[in-house]
Amino acid sequence: MYKLYYAPDSAAMGIRTVLEEIGAPYALLDTSIEIGGPRPAEQLAINPNGWVPVLLWDGGAMYEAAAITIYLCDRHPEARLGPAPDDPTRPLFLQTLVYFSNAVQNAYQLTYYPHRFADTPDGEDGAIRRGIRRLRETWGVIDDQLGTNDWVLGARFSAADIYLYMLTTWLSPDMAHPPLDDFPNVARIAVKVAQRPSVRTVYGT
């Protein structure tokens, strides 16, 4: 059984959705994503940053959502959530997941956690403004990449589509984020992902 350190509205929701798609048994371990909120000692021992997701299984543990996604896809090939290493779409799969993690998620961090990017409170508004611009830039890159594809990888649904959907749920008009409708190809795929039973279970869509 997998164990997943989990908090609502966090990247752990994407990993839980992948586990639902795989059909593997798992247990959720409650934690916090609030600044200064309590984190279990076991979670911090694995990921001293205090972030989620953190995944545990017999004999192993890891953190970072993109890495966990790749690991689960490779460990459960029968679920067909990720291309095999020799599949022609494997490079695009890896490229997109890393871009989601390193570029799109970083843009969100600028808006949700500006104190991490500013030396003083006076600099936080500038970090937020840059994050909003960066969200528009990075989602624009993904929208152009998708084009008329049915899914991120073309004709085939994959865990990259789950990751895309997860990131779209973080767009917030209250934060002056660009609306999802500004990225029609992203929005089109997100709507389809939202209809999957795994997503409805996790996100209540």
N, C-alpha and C. Protein backbone atom coordinates (compact mmCIF):
# COMPACT_ATOMS: atom_id res chain seq x y z
N MET A 1 0.83 -1.20 0.00
CA MET A 1 0.00 0.00 0.00
C MET A 1 0.87 1.25 0.00
N TYR A 2 0.48 2.22 -0.81
CA TYR A 2 1.14 3.51 -0.78
C TYR A 2 0.56 4.37 0.35
N LYS A 3 1.39 5.25 0.86
CA LYS A 3 0.95 6.26 1.82
C LYS A 3 1.33 7.61 1.25
N LEU A 4 0.39 8.54 1.30
CA LEU A 4 0.59 9.84 0.67
C LEU A 4 0.32 10.95 1.67
N TYR A 5 1.36 11.73 1.99
CA TYR A 5 1.13 12.93 2.79
C TYR A 5 0.36 13.91 1.93
N TYR A 6 -0.75 14.40 2.50
CA TYR A 6 -1.79 14.99 1.66
C TYR A 6 -2.42 16.20 2.34
N ALA A 7 -2.68 17.22 1.53
CA ALA A 7 -3.44 18.38 1.99
C ALA A 7 -4.29 18.86 0.83
N PRO A 8 -5.53 19.26 1.07
CA PRO A 8 -6.37 19.79 -0.01
C PRO A 8 -5.72 21.00 -0.68
N ASP A 9 -6.01 21.17 -1.96
CA ASP A 9 -5.53 22.31 -2.76
C ASP A 9 -4.02 22.29 -2.98
N SER A 10 -3.41 21.15 -2.76
CA SER A 10 -1.96 21.03 -2.95
C SER A 10 -1.67 20.11 -4.13
N ALA A 11 -0.39 20.02 -4.49
CA ALA A 11 0.02 19.13 -5.57
C ALA A 11 -0.21 17.66 -5.23
N ALA A 12 -0.44 17.35 -3.97
CA ALA A 12 -0.75 15.97 -3.59
C ALA A 12 -2.06 15.49 -4.22
N MET A 13 -2.93 16.42 -4.59
CA MET A 13 -4.19 16.01 -5.24
C MET A 13 -3.92 15.37 -6.59
N GLY A 14 -2.92 15.88 -7.31
CA GLY A 14 -2.57 15.27 -8.59
C GLY A 14 -2.04 13.86 -8.42
N ILE A 15 -1.21 13.66 -7.40
CA ILE A 15 -0.67 12.32 -7.15
C ILE A 15 -1.77 11.37 -6.71
N ARG A 16 -2.69 11.86 -5.90
CA ARG A 16 -3.82 11.00 -5.51
C ARG A 16 -4.63 10.60 -6.73
N THR A 17 -4.81 11.51 -7.67
CA THR A 17 -5.54 11.18 -8.90
C THR A 17 -4.81 10.11 -9.69
N VAL A 18 -3.49 10.20 -9.78
CA VAL A 18 -2.71 9.16 -10.47
C VAL A 18 -2.91 7.82 -9.78
N LEU A 19 -2.88 7.81 -8.45
CA LEU A 19 -3.10 6.55 -7.71
C LEU A 19 -4.49 5.99 -7.98
N GLU A 20 -5.48 6.87 -8.08
CA GLU A 20 -6.84 6.41 -8.41
C GLU A 20 -6.87 5.79 -9.80
N GLU A 21 -6.19 6.41 -10.75
CA GLU A 21 -6.15 5.86 -12.11
C GLU A 21 -5.46 4.50 -12.14
N ILE A 22 -4.40 4.36 -11.36
CA ILE A 22 -3.67 3.09 -11.30
C ILE A 22 -4.52 2.00 -10.65
N GLY A 23 -5.31 2.41 -9.65
CA GLY A 23 -6.11 1.44 -8.91
C GLY A 23 -5.36 0.79 -7.77
N ALA A 24 -4.22 1.38 -7.40
CA ALA A 24 -3.43 0.84 -6.30
C ALA A 24 -4.01 1.27 -4.96
N PRO A 25 -3.95 0.41 -3.95
CA PRO A 25 -4.42 0.83 -2.62
C PRO A 25 -3.50 1.90 -2.04
N TYR A 26 -4.10 2.86 -1.36
CA TYR A 26 -3.31 3.93 -0.76
C TYR A 26 -4.03 4.47 0.46
N ALA A 27 -3.27 5.11 1.32
CA ALA A 27 -3.81 5.78 2.49
C ALA A 27 -3.32 7.22 2.48
N LEU A 28 -4.19 8.14 2.89
CA LEU A 28 -3.83 9.55 2.98
C LEU A 28 -3.39 9.88 4.40
N LEU A 29 -2.27 10.58 4.49
CA LEU A 29 -1.75 11.04 5.78
C LEU A 29 -1.89 12.55 5.83
N ASP A 30 -2.67 13.04 6.78
CA ASP A 30 -2.96 14.47 6.85
C ASP A 30 -1.74 15.28 7.22
N THR A 31 -1.61 16.42 6.56
CA THR A 31 -0.56 17.37 6.89
C THR A 31 -1.08 18.76 6.56
N SER A 32 -0.22 19.76 6.65
CA SER A 32 -0.62 21.14 6.43
C SER A 32 0.24 21.76 5.34
N ILE A 33 -0.36 22.68 4.57
CA ILE A 33 0.42 23.50 3.63
C ILE A 33 0.40 24.96 4.05
N GLU A 34 -0.17 25.23 5.21
CA GLU A 34 -0.19 26.59 5.73
C GLU A 34 1.20 27.01 6.19
N ILE A 35 1.53 28.27 5.99
CA ILE A 35 2.80 28.79 6.48
C ILE A 35 2.84 28.65 8.00
N GLY A 36 3.83 27.95 8.50
CA GLY A 36 3.93 27.72 9.93
C GLY A 36 3.02 26.64 10.46
N GLY A 37 2.27 25.98 9.56
CA GLY A 37 1.37 24.91 10.00
C GLY A 37 2.15 23.67 10.42
N PRO A 38 1.52 22.80 11.21
CA PRO A 38 2.23 21.62 11.71
C PRO A 38 2.48 20.60 10.62
N ARG A 39 3.69 20.04 10.61
CA ARG A 39 4.06 18.96 9.71
C ARG A 39 4.52 17.77 10.54
N PRO A 40 4.06 16.55 10.21
CA PRO A 40 4.52 15.38 10.95
C PRO A 40 6.03 15.20 10.81
N ALA A 41 6.65 14.67 11.85
CA ALA A 41 8.10 14.49 11.85
C ALA A 41 8.54 13.56 10.73
N GLU A 42 7.76 12.52 10.43
CA GLU A 42 8.13 11.59 9.37
C GLU A 42 8.16 12.30 8.02
N GLN A 43 7.20 13.17 7.78
CA GLN A 43 7.19 13.92 6.53
C GLN A 43 8.43 14.79 6.40
N LEU A 44 8.78 15.49 7.49
CA LEU A 44 9.95 16.38 7.45
C LEU A 44 11.25 15.60 7.32
N ALA A 45 11.27 14.38 7.83
CA ALA A 45 12.47 13.56 7.69
C ALA A 45 12.71 13.18 6.24
N ILE A 46 11.64 13.03 5.47
CA ILE A 46 11.77 12.70 4.05
C ILE A 46 11.98 13.95 3.22
N ASN A 47 11.19 14.97 3.49
CA ASN A 47 11.29 16.24 2.76
C ASN A 47 11.43 17.38 3.75
N PRO A 48 12.64 17.80 4.05
CA PRO A 48 12.86 18.87 5.03
C PRO A 48 12.22 20.20 4.64
N ASN A 49 11.86 20.35 3.34
CA ASN A 49 11.18 21.57 2.92
C ASN A 49 9.78 21.69 3.51
N GLY A 50 9.22 20.56 3.91
CA GLY A 50 7.89 20.57 4.49
C GLY A 50 6.76 20.58 3.49
N TRP A 51 7.08 20.40 2.20
CA TRP A 51 6.06 20.45 1.16
C TRP A 51 5.49 19.07 0.89
N VAL A 52 4.32 19.07 0.24
CA VAL A 52 3.71 17.84 -0.27
C VAL A 52 3.61 17.96 -1.78
N PRO A 53 3.52 16.80 -2.45
CA PRO A 53 3.31 15.45 -1.93
C PRO A 53 4.60 14.80 -1.44
N VAL A 54 4.41 13.88 -0.50
CA VAL A 54 5.44 12.94 -0.08
C VAL A 54 4.81 11.56 -0.17
N LEU A 55 5.43 10.66 -0.92
CA LEU A 55 4.89 9.32 -1.13
C LEU A 55 5.77 8.30 -0.45
N LEU A 56 5.13 7.35 0.26
CA LEU A 56 5.84 6.27 0.92
C LEU A 56 5.30 4.94 0.42
N TRP A 57 6.16 3.94 0.36
CA TRP A 57 5.78 2.57 0.06
C TRP A 57 6.79 1.66 0.74
N ASP A 58 6.54 0.37 0.74
CA ASP A 58 7.43 -0.56 1.41
C ASP A 58 8.84 -0.41 0.84
N GLY A 59 9.74 0.05 1.69
CA GLY A 59 11.13 0.16 1.28
C GLY A 59 11.51 1.43 0.56
N GLY A 60 10.60 2.39 0.48
CA GLY A 60 10.96 3.60 -0.24
C GLY A 60 10.11 4.80 0.11
N ALA A 61 10.62 5.97 -0.26
CA ALA A 61 9.89 7.22 -0.06
C ALA A 61 10.50 8.27 -0.98
N MET A 62 9.70 9.24 -1.40
CA MET A 62 10.21 10.31 -2.25
C MET A 62 9.26 11.50 -2.20
N TYR A 63 9.78 12.64 -2.68
CA TYR A 63 8.95 13.83 -2.82
C TYR A 63 9.20 14.44 -4.19
N GLU A 64 8.51 15.54 -4.49
CA GLU A 64 8.45 16.24 -5.77
C GLU A 64 7.40 15.58 -6.68
N ALA A 65 6.36 16.37 -6.99
CA ALA A 65 5.20 15.82 -7.70
C ALA A 65 5.56 15.27 -9.08
N ALA A 66 6.38 15.98 -9.84
CA ALA A 66 6.73 15.48 -11.17
C ALA A 66 7.50 14.17 -11.08
N ALA A 67 8.44 14.09 -10.15
CA ALA A 67 9.22 12.87 -9.98
C ALA A 67 8.34 11.70 -9.55
N ILE A 68 7.43 11.96 -8.62
CA ILE A 68 6.53 10.90 -8.17
C ILE A 68 5.64 10.43 -9.32
N THR A 69 5.17 11.37 -10.11
CA THR A 69 4.33 11.02 -11.27
C THR A 69 5.07 10.08 -12.20
N ILE A 70 6.29 10.42 -12.55
CA ILE A 70 7.08 9.58 -13.45
C ILE A 70 7.32 8.21 -12.83
N TYR A 71 7.66 8.20 -11.54
CA TYR A 71 7.94 6.94 -10.86
C TYR A 71 6.72 6.01 -10.88
N LEU A 72 5.55 6.56 -10.56
CA LEU A 72 4.35 5.74 -10.53
C LEU A 72 3.98 5.23 -11.92
N CYS A 73 4.15 6.07 -12.93
CA CYS A 73 3.87 5.62 -14.29
C CYS A 73 4.79 4.47 -14.70
N ASP A 74 6.06 4.58 -14.35
CA ASP A 74 7.02 3.53 -14.70
C ASP A 74 6.80 2.27 -13.87
N ARG A 75 6.37 2.44 -12.63
CA ARG A 75 6.17 1.27 -11.76
C ARG A 75 4.89 0.52 -12.10
N HIS A 76 3.95 1.21 -12.72
CA HIS A 76 2.66 0.60 -13.06
C HIS A 76 2.38 0.78 -14.56
N PRO A 77 3.16 0.16 -15.42
CA PRO A 77 2.96 0.35 -16.87
C PRO A 77 1.61 -0.14 -17.35
N GLU A 78 1.01 -1.07 -16.59
CA GLU A 78 -0.29 -1.60 -17.00
C GLU A 78 -1.37 -0.52 -17.02
N ALA A 79 -1.17 0.56 -16.25
CA ALA A 79 -2.14 1.65 -16.21
C ALA A 79 -2.07 2.54 -17.45
N ARG A 80 -0.99 2.44 -18.19
CA ARG A 80 -0.81 3.20 -19.43
C ARG A 80 -0.95 4.71 -19.21
N LEU A 81 -0.35 5.18 -18.14
CA LEU A 81 -0.39 6.61 -17.83
C LEU A 81 0.85 7.36 -18.29
N GLY A 82 1.86 6.62 -18.73
CA GLY A 82 3.08 7.24 -19.21
C GLY A 82 3.74 6.38 -20.26
N PRO A 83 4.36 6.99 -21.25
CA PRO A 83 5.02 6.21 -22.30
C PRO A 83 6.27 5.51 -21.79
N ALA A 84 6.55 4.36 -22.35
CA ALA A 84 7.77 3.61 -22.00
C ALA A 84 9.00 4.38 -22.46
N PRO A 85 10.17 4.04 -21.89
CA PRO A 85 11.39 4.78 -22.25
C PRO A 85 11.70 4.81 -23.74
N ASP A 86 11.31 3.79 -24.49
CA ASP A 86 11.61 3.76 -25.92
C ASP A 86 10.45 4.26 -26.78
N ASP A 87 9.39 4.78 -26.13
CA ASP A 87 8.25 5.31 -26.87
C ASP A 87 8.61 6.68 -27.46
N PRO A 88 8.20 6.98 -28.69
CA PRO A 88 8.54 8.26 -29.29
C PRO A 88 8.00 9.48 -28.54
N THR A 89 6.94 9.28 -27.75
CA THR A 89 6.38 10.41 -27.00
C THR A 89 7.01 10.59 -25.62
N ARG A 90 7.94 9.71 -25.25
CA ARG A 90 8.56 9.80 -23.93
C ARG A 90 9.27 11.15 -23.72
N PRO A 91 10.06 11.64 -24.67
CA PRO A 91 10.71 12.93 -24.44
C PRO A 91 9.72 14.06 -24.18
N LEU A 92 8.62 14.11 -24.92
CA LEU A 92 7.62 15.16 -24.70
C LEU A 92 6.97 15.01 -23.33
N PHE A 93 6.72 13.79 -22.91
CA PHE A 93 6.14 13.52 -21.59
C PHE A 93 7.04 14.07 -20.49
N LEU A 94 8.32 13.73 -20.55
CA LEU A 94 9.26 14.21 -19.53
C LEU A 94 9.43 15.71 -19.60
N GLN A 95 9.59 16.24 -20.81
CA GLN A 95 9.76 17.68 -20.98
C GLN A 95 8.61 18.45 -20.38
N THR A 96 7.38 18.00 -20.65
CA THR A 96 6.21 18.73 -20.18
C THR A 96 6.07 18.67 -18.68
N LEU A 97 6.29 17.51 -18.08
CA LEU A 97 6.20 17.40 -16.63
C LEU A 97 7.24 18.28 -15.94
N VAL A 98 8.46 18.30 -16.45
CA VAL A 98 9.49 19.13 -15.84
C VAL A 98 9.17 20.61 -16.04
N TYR A 99 8.62 20.98 -17.20
CA TYR A 99 8.23 22.37 -17.41
C TYR A 99 7.10 22.76 -16.47
N PHE A 100 6.13 21.88 -16.30
CA PHE A 100 5.07 22.15 -15.33
C PHE A 100 5.66 22.43 -13.95
N SER A 101 6.59 21.57 -13.54
CA SER A 101 7.16 21.66 -12.20
C SER A 101 8.06 22.88 -12.04
N ASN A 102 8.94 23.10 -13.02
CA ASN A 102 9.98 24.14 -12.87
C ASN A 102 9.53 25.53 -13.28
N ALA A 103 8.61 25.61 -14.23
CA ALA A 103 8.22 26.91 -14.76
C ALA A 103 6.82 27.34 -14.29
N VAL A 104 5.81 26.52 -14.56
CA VAL A 104 4.45 26.91 -14.21
C VAL A 104 4.27 26.96 -12.70
N GLN A 105 4.71 25.91 -12.00
CA GLN A 105 4.56 25.91 -10.55
C GLN A 105 5.36 27.04 -9.90
N ASN A 106 6.52 27.34 -10.43
CA ASN A 106 7.31 28.43 -9.88
C ASN A 106 6.59 29.76 -10.03
N ALA A 107 5.89 29.94 -11.15
CA ALA A 107 5.11 31.17 -11.33
C ALA A 107 4.01 31.27 -10.29
N TYR A 108 3.36 30.15 -9.99
CA TYR A 108 2.35 30.17 -8.93
C TYR A 108 2.98 30.53 -7.59
N GLN A 109 4.15 30.00 -7.31
CA GLN A 109 4.80 30.29 -6.03
C GLN A 109 5.05 31.78 -5.87
N LEU A 110 5.40 32.46 -6.96
CA LEU A 110 5.62 33.90 -6.88
C LEU A 110 4.37 34.64 -6.40
N THR A 111 3.21 34.14 -6.78
CA THR A 111 1.97 34.82 -6.40
C THR A 111 1.44 34.37 -5.04
N TYR A 112 1.59 33.09 -4.72
CA TYR A 112 1.06 32.57 -3.46
C TYR A 112 2.04 32.71 -2.29
N TYR A 113 3.34 32.70 -2.60
CA TYR A 113 4.36 32.77 -1.55
C TYR A 113 5.40 33.83 -1.91
N PRO A 114 5.00 35.08 -2.08
CA PRO A 114 5.95 36.11 -2.54
C PRO A 114 7.09 36.37 -1.56
N HIS A 115 6.88 36.02 -0.28
CA HIS A 115 7.93 36.26 0.71
C HIS A 115 9.18 35.43 0.42
N ARG A 116 9.01 34.34 -0.33
CA ARG A 116 10.17 33.49 -0.66
C ARG A 116 11.07 34.15 -1.71
N PHE A 117 10.55 35.17 -2.38
CA PHE A 117 11.27 35.77 -3.50
C PHE A 117 11.61 37.24 -3.27
N ALA A 118 11.31 37.76 -2.10
CA ALA A 118 11.56 39.17 -1.81
C ALA A 118 12.39 39.30 -0.54
N ASP A 119 13.35 40.21 -0.56
CA ASP A 119 14.20 40.42 0.62
C ASP A 119 13.43 41.07 1.76
N THR A 120 12.47 41.93 1.41
CA THR A 120 11.68 42.64 2.41
C THR A 120 10.22 42.60 2.00
N PRO A 121 9.31 42.84 2.94
CA PRO A 121 7.88 42.88 2.59
C PRO A 121 7.57 43.88 1.48
N ASP A 122 8.36 44.95 1.38
CA ASP A 122 8.10 45.94 0.34
C ASP A 122 8.29 45.37 -1.06
N GLY A 123 9.06 44.30 -1.16
CA GLY A 123 9.31 43.71 -2.47
C GLY A 123 8.31 42.64 -2.88
N GLU A 124 7.39 42.29 -2.00
CA GLU A 124 6.49 41.19 -2.29
C GLU A 124 5.50 41.51 -3.40
N ASP A 125 5.03 42.76 -3.46
CA ASP A 125 4.09 43.12 -4.53
C ASP A 125 4.73 42.96 -5.90
N GLY A 126 6.01 43.29 -6.00
CA GLY A 126 6.71 43.10 -7.26
C GLY A 126 6.83 41.65 -7.64
N ALA A 127 7.06 40.78 -6.65
CA ALA A 127 7.12 39.35 -6.91
C ALA A 127 5.78 38.83 -7.42
N ILE A 128 4.71 39.32 -6.82
CA ILE A 128 3.37 38.90 -7.24
C ILE A 128 3.11 39.33 -8.67
N ARG A 129 3.44 40.57 -8.99
CA ARG A 129 3.22 41.05 -10.37
C ARG A 129 4.01 40.23 -11.37
N ARG A 130 5.25 39.92 -11.02
CA ARG A 130 6.07 39.10 -11.92
C ARG A 130 5.48 37.71 -12.06
N GLY A 131 4.97 37.15 -10.96
CA GLY A 131 4.36 35.83 -11.02
C GLY A 131 3.15 35.80 -11.93
N ILE A 132 2.33 36.84 -11.88
CA ILE A 132 1.15 36.91 -12.74
C ILE A 132 1.57 36.97 -14.20
N ARG A 133 2.58 37.79 -14.51
CA ARG A 133 3.07 37.84 -15.89
C ARG A 133 3.65 36.49 -16.31
N ARG A 134 4.36 35.86 -15.38
CA ARG A 134 4.99 34.58 -15.70
C ARG A 134 3.94 33.49 -15.92
N LEU A 135 2.83 33.53 -15.18
CA LEU A 135 1.76 32.57 -15.42
C LEU A 135 1.23 32.72 -16.84
N ARG A 136 1.04 33.94 -17.28
CA ARG A 136 0.56 34.15 -18.64
C ARG A 136 1.59 33.63 -19.65
N GLU A 137 2.86 33.87 -19.40
CA GLU A 137 3.90 33.42 -20.31
C GLU A 137 3.96 31.89 -20.38
N THR A 138 3.99 31.25 -19.21
CA THR A 138 4.19 29.80 -19.19
C THR A 138 2.96 29.05 -19.69
N TRP A 139 1.77 29.49 -19.30
CA TRP A 139 0.57 28.84 -19.82
C TRP A 139 0.44 29.08 -21.32
N GLY A 140 0.92 30.23 -21.79
CA GLY A 140 0.92 30.47 -23.23
C GLY A 140 1.80 29.49 -23.97
N VAL A 141 2.96 29.16 -23.39
CA VAL A 141 3.85 28.17 -24.00
C VAL A 141 3.14 26.82 -24.10
N ILE A 142 2.48 26.41 -23.03
CA ILE A 142 1.78 25.12 -23.04
C ILE A 142 0.63 25.14 -24.02
N ASP A 143 -0.12 26.24 -24.07
CA ASP A 143 -1.26 26.34 -24.99
C ASP A 143 -0.79 26.19 -26.43
N ASP A 144 0.32 26.84 -26.76
CA ASP A 144 0.86 26.71 -28.11
C ASP A 144 1.36 25.29 -28.37
N GLN A 145 1.96 24.68 -27.38
CA GLN A 145 2.46 23.31 -27.53
C GLN A 145 1.32 22.35 -27.83
N LEU A 146 0.20 22.53 -27.16
CA LEU A 146 -0.92 21.61 -27.32
C LEU A 146 -1.54 21.70 -28.71
N GLY A 147 -1.68 22.91 -29.22
CA GLY A 147 -2.31 23.06 -30.52
C GLY A 147 -3.67 22.39 -30.56
N THR A 148 -3.89 21.58 -31.57
CA THR A 148 -5.18 20.88 -31.70
C THR A 148 -5.14 19.47 -31.14
N ASN A 149 -4.10 19.13 -30.39
CA ASN A 149 -3.99 17.79 -29.81
C ASN A 149 -5.21 17.45 -28.96
N ASP A 150 -5.57 16.17 -28.98
CA ASP A 150 -6.62 15.70 -28.07
C ASP A 150 -6.16 15.74 -26.63
N TRP A 151 -4.87 15.39 -26.43
CA TRP A 151 -4.28 15.34 -25.10
C TRP A 151 -2.86 15.91 -25.19
N VAL A 152 -2.18 16.00 -24.07
CA VAL A 152 -0.82 16.54 -24.06
C VAL A 152 0.08 15.78 -25.03
N LEU A 153 -0.03 14.46 -25.04
CA LEU A 153 0.84 13.63 -25.88
C LEU A 153 0.24 13.37 -27.26
N GLY A 154 -0.86 14.01 -27.58
CA GLY A 154 -1.48 13.79 -28.88
C GLY A 154 -2.79 13.07 -28.74
N ALA A 155 -2.85 11.84 -29.23
CA ALA A 155 -4.09 11.06 -29.19
C ALA A 155 -4.26 10.27 -27.90
N ARG A 156 -3.23 10.26 -27.04
CA ARG A 156 -3.23 9.36 -25.89
C ARG A 156 -3.30 10.14 -24.58
N PHE A 157 -4.27 9.79 -23.72
CA PHE A 157 -4.34 10.34 -22.37
C PHE A 157 -3.16 9.85 -21.55
N SER A 158 -2.64 10.72 -20.69
CA SER A 158 -1.51 10.34 -19.84
C SER A 158 -1.57 11.11 -18.52
N ALA A 159 -0.64 10.78 -17.65
CA ALA A 159 -0.54 11.49 -16.37
C ALA A 159 -0.19 12.96 -16.57
N ALA A 160 0.38 13.32 -17.72
CA ALA A 160 0.66 14.73 -17.99
C ALA A 160 -0.63 15.53 -18.07
N ASP A 161 -1.72 14.92 -18.52
CA ASP A 161 -3.01 15.59 -18.56
C ASP A 161 -3.56 15.81 -17.15
N ILE A 162 -3.32 14.85 -16.27
CA ILE A 162 -3.71 15.01 -14.87
C ILE A 162 -2.95 16.17 -14.25
N TYR A 163 -1.66 16.25 -14.53
CA TYR A 163 -0.83 17.32 -13.98
C TYR A 163 -1.31 18.67 -14.52
N LEU A 164 -1.62 18.72 -15.81
CA LEU A 164 -2.15 19.95 -16.40
C LEU A 164 -3.43 20.37 -15.67
N TYR A 165 -4.34 19.43 -15.49
CA TYR A 165 -5.60 19.77 -14.82
C TYR A 165 -5.33 20.30 -13.41
N MET A 166 -4.48 19.63 -12.67
CA MET A 166 -4.16 20.06 -11.31
C MET A 166 -3.72 21.52 -11.30
N LEU A 167 -2.82 21.88 -12.21
CA LEU A 167 -2.30 23.24 -12.23
C LEU A 167 -3.36 24.25 -12.61
N THR A 168 -4.32 23.87 -13.46
CA THR A 168 -5.37 24.82 -13.81
C THR A 168 -6.27 25.13 -12.62
N THR A 169 -6.40 24.21 -11.68
CA THR A 169 -7.26 24.46 -10.52
C THR A 169 -6.67 25.51 -9.59
N TRP A 170 -5.41 25.86 -9.78
CA TRP A 170 -4.79 26.87 -8.93
C TRP A 170 -4.95 28.28 -9.47
N LEU A 171 -5.46 28.43 -10.69
CA LEU A 171 -5.71 29.76 -11.23
C LEU A 171 -6.82 30.43 -10.42
N SER A 172 -6.56 31.63 -9.95
CA SER A 172 -7.49 32.31 -9.04
C SER A 172 -7.74 33.74 -9.50
N PRO A 173 -9.00 34.09 -9.78
CA PRO A 173 -9.29 35.48 -10.11
C PRO A 173 -9.01 36.42 -8.95
N ASP A 174 -9.13 35.93 -7.72
CA ASP A 174 -8.83 36.76 -6.55
C ASP A 174 -7.37 37.17 -6.49
N MET A 175 -6.50 36.37 -7.15
CA MET A 175 -5.07 36.67 -7.19
C MET A 175 -4.69 37.43 -8.47
N ALA A 176 -5.69 37.80 -9.27
CA ALA A 176 -5.47 38.48 -10.55
C ALA A 176 -4.72 37.59 -11.55
N HIS A 177 -4.87 36.27 -11.38
CA HIS A 177 -4.28 35.35 -12.35
C HIS A 177 -5.02 35.46 -13.68
N PRO A 178 -4.36 35.16 -14.78
CA PRO A 178 -5.07 35.14 -16.06
C PRO A 178 -6.15 34.06 -16.05
N PRO A 179 -7.29 34.32 -16.67
CA PRO A 179 -8.36 33.31 -16.69
C PRO A 179 -8.00 32.14 -17.59
N LEU A 180 -8.53 30.98 -17.24
CA LEU A 180 -8.26 29.77 -18.02
C LEU A 180 -8.70 29.94 -19.47
N ASP A 181 -9.76 30.69 -19.69
CA ASP A 181 -10.26 30.87 -21.05
C ASP A 181 -9.26 31.57 -21.96
N ASP A 182 -8.26 32.23 -21.38
CA ASP A 182 -7.23 32.86 -22.20
C ASP A 182 -6.33 31.83 -22.87
N PHE A 183 -6.45 30.56 -22.44
CA PHE A 183 -5.63 29.48 -22.99
C PHE A 183 -6.57 28.38 -23.46
N PRO A 184 -7.19 28.56 -24.62
CA PRO A 184 -8.28 27.67 -25.03
C PRO A 184 -7.89 26.21 -25.19
N ASN A 185 -6.67 25.94 -25.61
CA ASN A 185 -6.27 24.54 -25.77
C ASN A 185 -6.09 23.87 -24.41
N VAL A 186 -5.51 24.61 -23.47
CA VAL A 186 -5.40 24.11 -22.09
C VAL A 186 -6.79 23.87 -21.52
N ALA A 187 -7.68 24.84 -21.70
CA ALA A 187 -9.03 24.74 -21.14
C ALA A 187 -9.77 23.54 -21.72
N ARG A 188 -9.62 23.32 -23.01
CA ARG A 188 -10.31 22.21 -23.67
C ARG A 188 -9.90 20.87 -23.07
N ILE A 189 -8.62 20.69 -22.83
CA ILE A 189 -8.14 19.43 -22.25
C ILE A 189 -8.53 19.34 -20.78
N ALA A 190 -8.45 20.45 -20.05
CA ALA A 190 -8.82 20.43 -18.64
C ALA A 190 -10.28 20.01 -18.45
N VAL A 191 -11.16 20.48 -19.32
CA VAL A 191 -12.58 20.11 -19.23
C VAL A 191 -12.74 18.61 -19.41
N LYS A 192 -12.00 18.02 -20.33
CA LYS A 192 -12.10 16.56 -20.54
C LYS A 192 -11.55 15.79 -19.35
N VAL A 193 -10.42 16.25 -18.81
CA VAL A 193 -9.84 15.57 -17.65
C VAL A 193 -10.81 15.60 -16.48
N ALA A 194 -11.50 16.72 -16.30
CA ALA A 194 -12.42 16.87 -15.17
C ALA A 194 -13.54 15.85 -15.19
N GLN A 195 -13.81 15.26 -16.34
CA GLN A 195 -14.90 14.29 -16.45
C GLN A 195 -14.48 12.87 -16.06
N ARG A 196 -13.20 12.64 -15.85
CA ARG A 196 -12.74 11.30 -15.52
C ARG A 196 -13.17 10.92 -14.09
N PRO A 197 -13.56 9.66 -13.86
CA PRO A 197 -13.96 9.25 -12.51
C PRO A 197 -12.91 9.51 -11.45
N SER A 198 -11.64 9.33 -11.78
CA SER A 198 -10.58 9.56 -10.79
C SER A 198 -10.56 11.02 -10.34
N VAL A 199 -10.76 11.92 -11.28
CA VAL A 199 -10.74 13.35 -10.96
C VAL A 199 -11.98 13.73 -10.15
N ARG A 200 -13.10 13.15 -10.52
CA ARG A 200 -14.32 13.44 -9.76
C ARG A 200 -14.21 12.95 -8.32
N THR A 201 -13.53 11.82 -8.13
CA THR A 201 -13.33 11.31 -6.78
C THR A 201 -12.48 12.26 -5.95
N VAL A 202 -11.39 12.75 -6.55
CA VAL A 202 -10.42 13.56 -5.81
C VAL A 202 -10.85 15.00 -5.69
N TYR A 203 -11.36 15.55 -6.78
CA TYR A 203 -11.68 16.99 -6.81
C TYR A 203 -13.16 17.29 -6.62
N GLY A 204 -14.00 16.25 -6.67
CA GLY A 204 -15.42 16.49 -6.50
C GLY A 204 -16.05 17.21 -7.67
N THR A 205 -15.51 17.01 -8.88
CA THR A 205 -16.05 17.71 -10.05
C THR A 205 -17.33 17.05 -10.55
